[in-house]
């Protein structure tokens, strides 16, 4: 038999009963949700920075990182809303490599998905308790979303998932913003079609139920660069790229038309230091165009305590074990620089 059934995974209701969220945290998370949603609905003109490690592999270093982020948030609260990246499921291009804390709560040990689900829920709760910042995660497996639905304030759908029907329909039922990345091919019509699908209500099969969704008006585009037929990275964060997406939004008439720019991945050719330059170029583009000033609502930046990346098992506290990231000093400086752009109006 091709499948070996290892263990039964508890339902979301069972996990939430075992690892509950306090009423105080629920109120705090609801406040955070409003602040983030207000960026997309133009209730205020703050700028969103979704920033943090490529993958959240260690609870203590992630919490230390977000505690530092919370102190910076107080200093830029007039201009920027910081959303920590706490990515607990990692797509792997070849299927090999670390797949995230949801798979392996300890990257040096064998996978244990039941313990992984518990570990990621505890980590998200701890972050919210210690810092007051609710987080973003990537929806790699739509069926996993209910385990964290009460904790996440932002969800991303990755380049390899954006054409998948289940991801699109599941996104239509969220009450938090969902960013649809362009696929690795760079075809922006695929990204726009994913946004279109998630804006609509649907009836479909989800986690053993027939469900009905209401449609998600906070669904939007994320530009993450592309890869050509020869495997070379093609950026799509330049002025002309963003204007083209803005034109498509105008043609289609979608609500809350918004662009988030991913400064790493194929936009930087995974040269993590280039994120600094890319951030400045995007902010300058916003200043040069009223259309982009309105439509470019934020950035995604990969950042951790220690710059670069390490192999699994190497003992460097607070360094990425997947894609290389900016270190803390560069990240903190960059946040302040972004805030100054926003303050210039």
Foldseek 3Di string as FASTA:
>chain_A
DPDDDDDDADALVVLCVVVPADPVLLVLVVVLLVVQVCLLQVVDQAFEEAEEAPEQQALVQRLVFLQVVLVLCVVLVVHYDYAYEHEAAQDDPVPDDDGGLCQPNHRVDHGDNNVSLSSSLVSLSVSCVNRSHAHEYECPDLLSCSNCLSGHQEYEYDQVGLQPPSVLQSLLAHAHAYEYEHHQANPVVSRVVSLVSQQPWDFDDHPNDGDIGHHYLRYEYEYEFHAHPVRATGHQLALVSVVVLLVVCVVVVRHSYAYEYELADSNPVLPAVCSLVSLVRNLVSLVVDVSSSSHHRYYYFHEWQDFFEDDRPDDDRTAHNPRTHHHDVVVSVSVVVSSVSRVVD
